[in-house]
Protein backbone atom coordinates (compact mmCIF):
# COMPACT_ATOMS: atom_id res chain seq x y z
CA MET A 1 -59.88 -4.58 -193.74
CA VAL A 2 -58.32 -6.70 -196.48
CA ARG A 3 -61.08 -9.04 -197.98
CA MET A 4 -59.71 -12.60 -199.03
CA PRO A 5 -60.72 -13.55 -202.50
CA GLY A 6 -63.93 -15.58 -202.90
CA ALA A 7 -62.21 -18.87 -203.81
CA VAL A 8 -60.15 -18.73 -200.94
CA ARG A 9 -63.12 -18.17 -198.40
CA SER A 10 -65.12 -21.03 -199.92
CA LEU A 11 -66.03 -24.01 -198.11
CA ARG A 12 -64.79 -26.48 -200.39
CA PHE A 13 -61.10 -24.58 -200.17
CA ARG A 14 -61.25 -24.76 -196.55
CA LEU A 15 -62.21 -28.51 -196.61
CA VAL A 16 -59.43 -29.14 -199.15
CA ALA A 17 -57.11 -27.10 -197.01
CA GLY A 18 -57.86 -28.75 -193.67
CA PHE A 19 -57.57 -32.27 -194.90
CA GLY A 20 -54.09 -31.05 -196.47
CA LEU A 21 -52.96 -29.28 -193.30
CA ILE A 22 -54.07 -32.47 -191.42
CA ALA A 23 -52.34 -35.04 -193.71
CA ALA A 24 -49.09 -32.94 -193.93
CA VAL A 25 -48.96 -32.44 -190.08
CA SER A 26 -49.54 -36.35 -189.72
CA ALA A 27 -46.83 -37.50 -192.47
CA LEU A 28 -44.36 -34.93 -190.83
CA GLY A 29 -45.14 -36.10 -187.29
CA THR A 30 -44.99 -39.73 -188.22
CA GLY A 31 -42.01 -39.30 -190.23
CA ALA A 32 -40.12 -36.95 -187.77
CA LEU A 33 -40.84 -39.69 -185.18
CA THR A 34 -39.92 -42.61 -187.24
CA PHE A 35 -36.63 -40.63 -188.32
CA ARG A 36 -35.56 -40.00 -184.66
CA GLU A 37 -36.22 -43.69 -183.50
CA ALA A 38 -34.50 -45.24 -186.57
CA ARG A 39 -31.43 -42.63 -186.35
CA THR A 40 -31.32 -43.49 -182.67
CA GLY A 41 -31.33 -47.30 -183.02
CA VAL A 42 -29.01 -46.90 -185.94
CA LEU A 43 -26.46 -44.50 -184.44
CA GLN A 44 -27.00 -46.57 -180.83
CA GLN A 45 -25.89 -49.94 -182.55
CA SER A 46 -23.06 -48.68 -184.52
CA GLN A 47 -21.76 -46.88 -181.13
CA ASP A 48 -22.10 -50.07 -179.15
CA THR A 49 -20.37 -52.35 -181.75
CA VAL A 50 -17.36 -49.93 -182.13
CA VAL A 51 -16.97 -49.52 -178.47
CA ASN A 52 -17.01 -53.22 -177.96
CA GLN A 53 -14.86 -54.07 -180.94
CA PHE A 54 -12.40 -51.46 -179.88
CA ARG A 55 -12.52 -52.76 -176.02
CA ASP A 56 -12.02 -56.19 -176.97
CA SER A 57 -9.06 -55.40 -179.21
CA VAL A 58 -7.28 -53.21 -176.27
CA ASP A 59 -7.99 -56.05 -174.05
CA ALA A 60 -6.28 -58.64 -176.41
CA LEU A 61 -3.15 -56.50 -176.31
CA THR A 62 -3.13 -55.52 -172.90
CA PRO A 63 -1.11 -58.62 -171.40
CA GLY A 64 2.01 -57.65 -173.83
CA ILE A 65 1.96 -54.21 -172.74
CA PRO A 66 5.17 -53.21 -170.48
CA PRO A 67 4.12 -51.20 -167.32
CA GLN A 68 5.92 -48.22 -168.53
CA PRO A 69 5.76 -48.23 -172.44
CA GLY A 70 7.99 -46.09 -174.91
CA GLN A 71 7.55 -44.31 -177.94
CA ALA A 72 8.03 -47.63 -179.58
CA GLU A 73 5.69 -49.68 -177.90
CA LEU A 74 3.09 -46.99 -178.23
CA SER A 75 3.32 -46.73 -182.11
CA SER A 76 3.43 -50.67 -182.26
CA LEU A 77 0.21 -50.68 -180.46
CA VAL A 78 -1.44 -48.20 -182.41
CA ASP A 79 -0.23 -49.97 -185.68
CA ASP A 80 -1.64 -53.37 -184.65
CA LEU A 81 -5.03 -51.70 -183.87
CA ALA A 82 -5.32 -49.83 -187.11
CA THR A 83 -3.95 -52.88 -189.34
CA THR A 84 -6.39 -55.14 -187.71
CA HIS A 85 -9.48 -52.85 -188.39
CA ARG A 86 -8.39 -51.34 -191.50
CA SER A 87 -11.64 -51.83 -193.39
CA GLN A 88 -13.23 -49.86 -190.77
CA HIS A 89 -11.05 -46.96 -191.31
CA TRP A 90 -9.94 -46.81 -187.61
CA ARG A 91 -7.84 -44.00 -186.57
CA VAL A 92 -6.21 -44.74 -183.37
CA LEU A 93 -4.21 -42.73 -180.99
CA ALA A 94 -2.36 -43.55 -177.86
CA THR A 95 -0.94 -41.71 -174.87
CA TYR A 96 1.12 -42.12 -172.00
CA GLY A 97 2.51 -39.13 -169.80
CA SER A 98 3.75 -36.81 -172.34
CA LEU A 99 4.04 -39.64 -174.87
CA ARG A 100 1.87 -39.97 -177.71
CA ALA A 101 1.42 -42.25 -180.97
CA GLY A 102 -0.88 -42.04 -183.89
CA SER A 103 -2.01 -44.37 -186.57
CA GLN A 104 -1.44 -41.83 -189.35
CA PRO A 105 1.69 -39.68 -189.31
CA GLY A 106 0.89 -36.02 -188.65
CA ASP A 107 -2.65 -36.69 -187.60
CA ARG A 108 -3.82 -34.02 -184.83
CA PHE A 109 -6.93 -35.81 -184.18
CA PRO A 110 -8.98 -32.47 -184.20
CA GLU A 111 -12.07 -34.54 -183.08
CA LEU A 112 -10.76 -34.97 -179.49
CA SER A 113 -12.06 -32.67 -177.30
CA ALA A 114 -10.68 -31.09 -174.03
CA GLU A 115 -13.56 -32.47 -171.93
CA LEU A 116 -13.45 -36.00 -173.76
CA ARG A 117 -9.84 -36.09 -172.67
CA ARG A 118 -10.63 -34.83 -169.00
CA SER A 119 -13.16 -37.58 -168.92
CA VAL A 120 -10.68 -40.24 -169.72
CA ARG A 121 -8.03 -39.22 -167.22
CA THR A 122 -10.93 -39.08 -164.42
CA ARG A 123 -12.57 -42.01 -165.27
CA LYS A 124 -12.00 -45.98 -165.49
CA VAL A 125 -14.47 -46.91 -168.15
CA ALA A 126 -14.76 -46.17 -172.16
CA VAL A 127 -15.88 -42.79 -172.99
CA PHE A 128 -17.63 -41.89 -176.29
CA GLN A 129 -18.79 -38.78 -178.11
CA ARG A 130 -19.96 -38.03 -181.61
CA VAL A 131 -18.64 -34.96 -183.37
CA HIS A 132 -19.29 -32.98 -186.62
CA ILE A 133 -16.34 -31.45 -188.14
CA GLY A 134 -16.59 -30.20 -192.13
CA GLY A 135 -19.73 -31.59 -192.47
CA ALA A 136 -18.88 -35.15 -191.55
CA SER A 137 -20.01 -37.25 -188.57
CA SER A 138 -17.51 -39.25 -186.58
CA LEU A 139 -17.64 -41.41 -183.41
CA VAL A 140 -14.69 -40.76 -180.95
CA VAL A 141 -14.18 -43.47 -178.19
CA GLY A 142 -11.65 -42.82 -175.22
CA LEU A 143 -10.54 -45.99 -173.41
CA PRO A 144 -8.51 -45.84 -170.38
CA VAL A 145 -5.93 -48.86 -169.42
CA VAL A 146 -6.42 -50.15 -166.00
CA HIS A 147 -5.20 -52.99 -163.89
CA GLY A 148 -7.02 -55.18 -161.21
CA THR A 149 -5.75 -55.50 -157.70
CA GLY A 150 -6.45 -58.29 -155.21
CA ASP A 151 -9.17 -56.04 -153.53
CA ASP A 152 -11.12 -55.88 -156.78
CA GLU A 153 -10.35 -52.64 -157.45
CA ARG A 154 -9.11 -51.34 -160.75
CA VAL A 155 -6.32 -48.94 -160.88
CA GLY A 156 -5.51 -46.79 -163.87
CA SER A 157 -2.20 -47.22 -165.61
CA GLY A 158 -1.82 -44.06 -167.12
CA LEU A 159 -2.17 -45.31 -170.76
CA ALA A 160 -5.05 -44.24 -172.72
CA PHE A 161 -6.20 -45.39 -176.26
CA TYR A 162 -8.60 -43.05 -178.42
CA LEU A 163 -10.53 -44.23 -181.55
CA VAL A 164 -12.01 -42.11 -184.35
CA VAL A 165 -14.03 -43.95 -186.74
CA PRO A 166 -16.06 -41.90 -189.53
CA GLN A 167 -19.69 -42.73 -189.53
CA THR A 168 -20.26 -42.16 -193.34
CA THR A 169 -22.26 -45.61 -193.66
CA GLU A 170 -24.64 -44.69 -190.81
CA GLN A 171 -25.06 -41.10 -192.23
CA ARG A 172 -25.70 -42.63 -195.71
CA TYR A 173 -28.35 -44.84 -193.96
CA VAL A 174 -29.98 -41.63 -192.24
CA THR A 175 -30.07 -39.59 -195.41
CA ALA A 176 -31.51 -42.18 -197.26
CA LEU A 177 -34.32 -42.61 -194.44
CA VAL A 178 -34.95 -38.86 -194.55
CA GLY A 179 -35.31 -39.13 -198.23
CA ALA A 180 -37.93 -42.38 -197.83
CA VAL A 181 -39.73 -40.20 -195.45
CA GLU A 182 -40.07 -37.29 -197.83
CA ARG A 183 -41.07 -39.49 -200.81
CA ALA A 184 -43.86 -40.98 -198.74
CA ALA A 185 -45.01 -37.76 -197.55
CA LEU A 186 -46.04 -36.32 -200.83
CA PRO A 187 -48.25 -39.48 -202.14
CA ALA A 188 -49.94 -38.95 -198.53
CA LEU A 189 -50.56 -35.34 -199.17
CA CYS A 190 -51.87 -35.98 -202.74
CA LEU A 191 -54.20 -38.95 -201.27
CA ALA A 192 -55.44 -36.37 -198.59
CA VAL A 193 -56.08 -33.86 -201.25
CA LEU A 194 -58.16 -36.50 -203.44
CA LEU A 195 -59.87 -37.80 -200.35
CA ALA A 196 -60.78 -34.07 -199.51
CA LEU A 197 -62.18 -33.49 -202.86
CA PHE A 198 -64.20 -36.45 -202.72
CA VAL A 199 -65.60 -35.62 -199.29
CA SER A 200 -65.95 -31.91 -200.19
CA ARG A 201 -68.14 -33.00 -203.08
CA GLY A 202 -70.63 -35.03 -201.32
CA VAL A 203 -70.66 -32.40 -198.60
CA LEU A 204 -71.27 -29.31 -200.71
CA ARG A 205 -73.54 -30.91 -203.25
CA PRO A 206 -76.48 -30.38 -200.76
CA VAL A 207 -75.24 -27.16 -199.80
CA ARG A 208 -74.77 -25.70 -203.54
CA ALA A 209 -78.47 -27.07 -203.88
CA LEU A 210 -79.74 -25.17 -200.94
CA ARG A 211 -77.95 -22.07 -202.23
CA GLN A 212 -79.52 -22.49 -205.69
CA ALA A 213 -83.04 -23.08 -203.94
CA THR A 214 -82.49 -19.77 -201.93
CA ARG A 215 -81.94 -17.79 -204.76
CA ARG A 216 -84.68 -18.97 -206.54
CA MET A 217 -86.76 -18.31 -203.86
CA ALA A 218 -85.31 -14.77 -203.54
CA ALA A 219 -86.24 -14.38 -207.26
CA GLY A 220 -90.04 -15.20 -206.29
CA HIS A 221 -90.22 -18.70 -206.92
CA LEU A 222 -91.90 -19.79 -203.64
CA ASP A 223 -92.63 -23.13 -204.78
CA THR A 224 -89.21 -24.30 -204.78
CA ARG A 225 -88.46 -27.21 -202.64
CA LEU A 226 -85.16 -29.52 -201.91
CA ASN A 227 -84.85 -33.38 -202.30
CA VAL A 228 -84.20 -34.78 -198.82
CA ASN A 229 -81.69 -37.73 -198.98
CA GLY A 230 -80.23 -39.58 -195.87
CA SER A 231 -80.81 -38.71 -192.19
CA ASP A 232 -77.56 -36.75 -191.34
CA GLU A 233 -77.70 -33.01 -190.60
CA LEU A 234 -77.43 -31.83 -194.08
CA ALA A 235 -80.88 -33.78 -194.71
CA ASP A 236 -82.47 -32.15 -191.65
CA LEU A 237 -81.25 -28.63 -192.93
CA SER A 238 -82.96 -29.83 -196.36
CA ALA A 239 -86.10 -30.71 -194.53
CA ALA A 240 -86.16 -27.49 -192.46
CA PHE A 241 -85.65 -25.35 -195.75
CA ASN A 242 -88.89 -27.12 -197.05
CA GLU A 243 -90.73 -26.54 -194.13
CA THR A 244 -89.82 -22.76 -194.28
CA ALA A 245 -90.59 -22.76 -197.81
CA VAL A 246 -93.88 -24.19 -197.39
CA ALA A 247 -94.76 -21.59 -194.50
CA LEU A 248 -93.50 -18.73 -196.40
CA GLU A 249 -95.23 -19.52 -199.58
CA ARG A 250 -98.49 -20.03 -197.30
CA SER A 251 -98.05 -16.57 -195.70
CA VAL A 252 -97.00 -14.54 -198.84
CA SER A 253 -100.34 -16.29 -200.71
CA GLU A 254 -102.22 -15.30 -197.96
CA LEU A 255 -100.70 -11.64 -197.92
CA ARG A 256 -101.24 -11.60 -201.74
CA ARG A 257 -104.87 -12.40 -201.53
CA MET A 258 -105.52 -9.98 -198.63
CA GLU A 259 -103.65 -7.14 -200.54
CA ALA A 260 -105.65 -7.85 -203.83
CA GLN A 261 -109.07 -8.01 -201.97
CA ALA A 262 -108.21 -4.76 -200.17
CA ARG A 263 -107.18 -3.19 -203.54
CA ARG A 264 -110.37 -4.40 -205.24
CA PHE A 265 -112.54 -3.24 -202.25
CA ALA A 266 -110.98 0.30 -202.46
CA ALA A 267 -111.44 0.29 -205.99
CA ASP A 268 -115.01 -0.63 -205.78
CA VAL A 269 -115.71 1.64 -203.18
CA SER A 270 -114.21 4.60 -205.03
CA HIS A 271 -116.16 3.97 -208.11
CA GLU A 272 -119.46 3.61 -206.35
CA LEU A 273 -118.78 6.66 -204.42
CA ARG A 274 -117.99 8.54 -207.63
CA THR A 275 -121.39 8.91 -208.82
CA PRO A 276 -123.20 9.92 -205.59
CA LEU A 277 -120.31 12.42 -204.73
CA ALA A 278 -120.80 13.99 -208.21
CA ALA A 279 -124.33 14.91 -207.16
CA MET A 280 -123.34 16.30 -203.73
CA SER A 281 -120.74 18.48 -205.43
CA ALA A 282 -123.24 19.90 -207.54
CA VAL A 283 -125.52 20.30 -204.63
CA THR A 284 -122.60 22.13 -202.57
CA ASP A 285 -121.99 24.25 -205.51
CA VAL A 286 -125.66 25.45 -205.43
CA LEU A 287 -125.30 25.92 -201.61
CA ASP A 288 -122.31 27.73 -201.94
CA GLU A 289 -123.69 30.45 -204.29
CA GLU A 290 -126.72 30.70 -201.70
CA ALA A 291 -124.54 30.98 -198.67
CA ALA A 292 -123.96 34.64 -198.59
CA GLY A 293 -128.01 35.17 -198.11
CA LEU A 294 -128.24 32.38 -195.43
CA GLU A 295 -127.81 32.90 -191.66
CA GLN A 296 -124.29 32.84 -190.03
CA GLY A 297 -124.68 29.38 -188.47
CA THR A 298 -126.18 27.95 -191.75
CA ALA A 299 -123.56 29.41 -193.92
CA GLU A 300 -120.59 27.95 -191.75
CA ALA A 301 -122.42 24.50 -191.92
CA VAL A 302 -122.89 24.82 -195.64
CA ARG A 303 -119.18 25.87 -196.12
CA LEU A 304 -118.11 23.00 -193.96
CA ILE A 305 -120.24 20.38 -195.92
CA SER A 306 -118.73 21.89 -199.15
CA GLU A 307 -115.04 21.70 -197.82
CA GLU A 308 -115.50 17.99 -196.47
CA THR A 309 -117.28 17.15 -200.01
CA GLU A 310 -114.39 18.41 -201.92
CA ARG A 311 -111.94 16.44 -199.64
CA LEU A 312 -113.82 13.41 -200.15
CA VAL A 313 -113.88 13.98 -203.81
CA ARG A 314 -110.22 14.13 -203.75
CA LEU A 315 -109.67 11.21 -201.84
CA VAL A 316 -111.73 9.30 -204.18
CA ASN A 317 -110.05 10.46 -207.27
CA ASP A 318 -106.81 9.48 -205.63
CA LEU A 319 -108.03 6.19 -204.70
CA MET A 320 -109.19 5.50 -208.24
CA GLU A 321 -105.74 6.91 -209.84
CA ILE A 322 -103.79 4.65 -207.58
CA SER A 323 -106.12 1.54 -208.29
CA ARG A 324 -105.31 2.27 -212.19
CA PHE A 325 -101.60 1.95 -211.27
CA ASP A 326 -102.31 -1.32 -209.45
CA ALA A 327 -104.28 -3.06 -212.19
CA GLY A 328 -101.48 -1.82 -214.68
CA ALA A 329 -104.22 0.41 -216.65
CA ALA A 330 -102.12 3.47 -216.11
CA GLU A 331 -101.36 4.91 -219.71
CA LEU A 332 -98.59 7.60 -220.46
CA HIS A 333 -99.85 9.95 -223.19
CA LEU A 334 -96.79 11.77 -224.21
CA ASP A 335 -96.54 15.49 -225.63
CA GLU A 336 -93.60 17.70 -226.50
CA ILE A 337 -94.40 20.85 -224.18
CA ASP A 338 -92.17 23.67 -222.33
CA LEU A 339 -91.78 22.29 -218.79
CA ALA A 340 -91.19 25.71 -217.19
CA GLU A 341 -94.51 27.11 -218.79
CA SER A 342 -96.23 23.93 -217.34
CA VAL A 343 -95.04 24.68 -213.73
CA ARG A 344 -96.37 28.10 -214.03
CA ARG A 345 -99.57 27.26 -215.21
CA THR A 346 -99.96 24.43 -212.18
CA LEU A 347 -99.17 27.00 -209.60
CA ALA A 348 -101.30 29.60 -211.27
CA ALA A 349 -104.34 27.39 -211.59
CA ARG A 350 -104.19 26.49 -207.84
CA GLY A 351 -103.35 30.17 -206.67
CA TRP A 352 -99.83 29.19 -205.15
CA GLY A 353 -98.15 32.33 -206.65
CA GLU A 354 -97.39 33.91 -203.09
CA GLY A 355 -94.94 31.99 -200.81
CA VAL A 356 -93.22 30.05 -203.88
CA GLU A 357 -90.10 31.07 -205.48
CA LEU A 358 -89.23 29.98 -208.88
CA ARG A 359 -85.93 29.25 -210.40
CA LEU A 360 -87.13 28.36 -214.05
CA PRO A 361 -85.29 28.38 -217.30
CA GLY A 362 -86.23 30.74 -220.17
CA PRO A 363 -89.36 30.20 -222.41
CA GLY A 364 -88.76 27.47 -224.75
CA ASP A 365 -85.19 26.57 -223.20
CA LEU A 366 -86.40 22.99 -221.66
CA ARG A 367 -88.76 21.28 -223.77
CA ALA A 368 -89.75 17.38 -223.01
CA ALA A 369 -91.85 14.66 -224.02
CA VAL A 370 -93.90 14.22 -220.85
CA ASP A 371 -97.71 13.28 -220.00
CA PRO A 372 -98.92 16.97 -219.53
CA ARG A 373 -101.62 15.77 -217.11
CA ARG A 374 -99.06 13.61 -214.86
CA PHE A 375 -96.58 16.24 -214.97
CA ASP A 376 -99.07 18.60 -213.32
CA VAL A 377 -100.14 16.14 -211.00
CA VAL A 378 -96.51 15.61 -209.87
CA VAL A 379 -95.74 19.17 -209.58
CA ALA A 380 -98.98 20.04 -207.67
CA ASN A 381 -98.43 17.32 -205.25
CA LEU A 382 -94.97 18.21 -204.42
CA VAL A 383 -95.70 22.12 -203.96
CA GLY A 384 -98.66 21.40 -202.21
CA ASN A 385 -96.97 18.94 -199.82
CA ALA A 386 -94.49 21.65 -199.33
CA LEU A 387 -96.79 24.20 -198.29
CA ARG A 388 -98.97 22.22 -196.14
CA HIS A 389 -96.05 20.66 -194.24
CA GLY A 390 -92.98 22.82 -194.70
CA ALA A 391 -92.60 26.54 -194.31
CA PRO A 392 -92.02 29.18 -196.49
CA PRO A 393 -90.33 30.18 -198.81
CA VAL A 394 -90.89 27.35 -201.08
CA THR A 395 -88.49 27.14 -203.67
CA VAL A 396 -89.23 25.33 -207.05
CA THR A 397 -86.14 25.00 -209.52
CA LEU A 398 -86.29 23.27 -212.85
CA GLU A 399 -83.22 22.69 -214.74
CA ARG A 400 -81.63 20.42 -217.44
CA ALA A 401 -79.91 17.42 -216.00
CA ALA A 402 -76.37 16.20 -217.80
CA GLU A 403 -76.08 12.62 -216.16
CA PRO A 404 -78.41 11.13 -217.28
CA PRO A 405 -79.60 13.60 -219.86
CA GLY A 406 -83.02 14.72 -219.00
CA ALA A 407 -84.96 17.31 -216.83
CA ARG A 408 -84.50 17.69 -213.03
CA LEU A 409 -87.42 19.41 -210.77
CA VAL A 410 -86.33 20.05 -207.23
CA VAL A 411 -88.99 21.28 -204.73
CA ALA A 412 -87.49 22.28 -201.24
CA ASP A 413 -88.92 24.10 -198.35
CA HIS A 414 -87.57 25.54 -195.04
CA GLY A 415 -89.53 23.56 -192.71
CA PRO A 416 -88.47 21.05 -189.94
CA GLY A 417 -87.60 18.54 -192.50
CA ILE A 418 -88.50 14.73 -192.60
CA ALA A 419 -87.52 12.74 -189.59
CA PRO A 420 -84.47 10.43 -190.72
CA GLU A 421 -86.55 7.21 -190.03
CA ALA A 422 -89.50 8.36 -192.13
CA LEU A 423 -87.47 9.23 -195.24
CA SER A 424 -87.67 5.65 -196.66
CA GLN A 425 -91.55 5.52 -196.32
CA VAL A 426 -92.61 9.00 -197.39
CA PHE A 427 -93.55 7.63 -200.66
CA GLU A 428 -95.65 4.78 -199.10
CA ARG A 429 -99.47 4.95 -199.41
CA PHE A 430 -101.34 6.59 -196.57
CA TYR A 431 -98.14 7.27 -194.51
CA LYS A 432 -97.79 10.17 -192.76
CA ALA A 433 -94.48 11.14 -190.89
CA SER A 434 -96.26 12.37 -187.80
CA SER A 435 -98.92 10.66 -186.01
CA ALA A 436 -100.44 13.93 -184.87
CA ARG A 437 -101.56 14.49 -188.48
CA THR A 438 -104.13 11.82 -188.63
CA ARG A 439 -106.45 14.37 -190.21
CA SER A 440 -105.51 16.65 -192.90
CA GLU A 441 -106.36 18.34 -196.27
CA SER A 442 -104.20 15.60 -197.83
CA SER A 443 -105.34 11.98 -198.71
CA GLY A 444 -102.28 10.47 -197.90
CA LEU A 445 -101.85 9.17 -201.14
CA GLY A 446 -100.38 12.36 -203.03
CA LEU A 447 -96.61 11.05 -202.97
CA ALA A 448 -97.45 7.65 -203.64
CA ILE A 449 -99.25 8.93 -206.84
CA THR A 450 -96.18 11.40 -207.46
CA ALA A 451 -93.65 8.36 -207.24
CA GLU A 452 -96.05 6.18 -209.53
CA ASN A 453 -96.27 9.13 -212.13
CA VAL A 454 -92.49 9.46 -212.07
CA ARG A 455 -92.01 5.72 -212.66
CA LEU A 456 -94.24 5.72 -215.14
CA HIS A 457 -92.29 8.19 -217.01
CA GLY A 458 -88.98 6.18 -216.58
CA GLY A 459 -87.68 8.66 -213.97
CA THR A 460 -86.73 8.51 -210.31
CA VAL A 461 -88.08 10.68 -207.44
CA ARG A 462 -86.09 11.08 -204.04
CA ALA A 463 -86.53 12.76 -200.68
CA ARG A 464 -83.77 14.08 -198.49
CA ASN A 465 -83.13 16.85 -195.81
CA ALA A 466 -81.14 19.82 -196.55
CA ALA A 467 -78.25 20.81 -194.59
CA GLY A 468 -79.87 23.84 -193.52
CA GLY A 469 -83.14 22.45 -192.62
CA GLY A 470 -86.25 21.66 -194.81
CA ALA A 471 -87.14 19.06 -196.89
CA VAL A 472 -86.05 18.64 -200.50
CA PHE A 473 -87.61 16.62 -203.11
CA THR A 474 -86.03 15.71 -206.35
CA VAL A 475 -87.42 14.49 -209.60
CA GLU A 476 -85.51 13.34 -212.60
CA LEU A 477 -87.10 12.41 -215.87
CA PRO A 478 -85.21 11.07 -218.78
CA GLU A 479 -84.84 12.72 -222.11
CA ARG A 480 -86.99 10.74 -224.80
CA PRO A 481 -86.61 10.56 -228.54
CA ALA A 482 -87.57 13.89 -230.31
CA GLY A 483 -90.31 11.83 -232.06
CA ALA A 484 -92.07 10.74 -229.00
CA ARG A 485 -95.73 11.61 -229.21
CA SER A 486 -99.18 11.33 -227.23
CA GLY A 487 -100.72 8.16 -227.23
CA GLU A 488 -97.57 6.05 -226.08
CA ASP A 489 -98.64 3.73 -223.22
CA THR A 490 -96.58 1.45 -220.87
């Protein structure tokens, strides 16, 4: 579909074009009607004048016409008529039977049509017709000579006169009228465009203000308001915008307050739980060492307590980590390390050697300035997520990225993948793609912490489904200057 330029689709252009179109149609319509009426009036008046003059002139000569005129009488008659009206450029033709005489020698009178001649022979009144030959307009009049009888009847004498009068004067008048209409249409169109610009300026001013206010609100300035002037529809729109802005600002402020309270509560609870959990972990460590000498039921209870305590410790640690991100206190301590070796250490420390296929560069081939602890968290969270929710083998690929330059880490599994509607939410806090997994070893914060750590490095992380099945997580970390060292922070 072809999109029109923005200027053509603008409201100002449409208003001006609409006014211009209406003005053009009005001017042309008015001009056409005026031209038609004026032209009809001019031609009708000229036609009536010529026909009456011709009839009067012929009637004046009729008493002297013999019953059967000859060629000489016909020539004399047409000469008298043409001479009398020489200033009007009359061309006269007289016919009687096979005889014919014209006012100009050799004039064949091409304007006389067969239809006009037939009408003159069959009718007893004047017949006229306007013809156009060679770009010139002429009025042709046919007048049969009739005699009256005692019974009030009119009998044709067989004698007929034809008159051809050029209408150059009338044509010049009509041409001048057309020029006047054209000259009047242009100022009318210009006036309409100026009026449209003036009106559109008044209409578009509040629309522009509304657009600017909307953009400011989209940029986060929720205190934006519009001035309400007048009582028209645009004023109502501005008032409605202000009411909406007030309600939105109130709702967003309340949501921010509740979100801040929730984050502060999570941070406070995590901090308060850390000390007793440390003591509980120490106790469970002792109980784990003594579990072998306890009864079976007691040993199973001890192992359950130990596992749940460890899970609670991970949850509290994750909550504290995410709280540091929320507070803007997360720091990035960079060190140039061998990324492949770091990946191997991460998997070995967690005993994930089996079921994981590594595709890593050689020792020292891919070094980068990263935060070692945070890179370890990223790898552990992605691989752990693939092992828990995917299916083996889990493939870990580390390679150098060309565009943009940096390192690329890809973790893929062969499980059922991620539901399409969940792909955009997997990095949200406490989000679980399946409602059946309401309780699992994970805290629901692993992928959110991964995304925050990657963002802290200036990188990106994406999730997608592989064509053959399984979920694929891709992390891209940008290349940092060679002089980057630990101690850098955001």
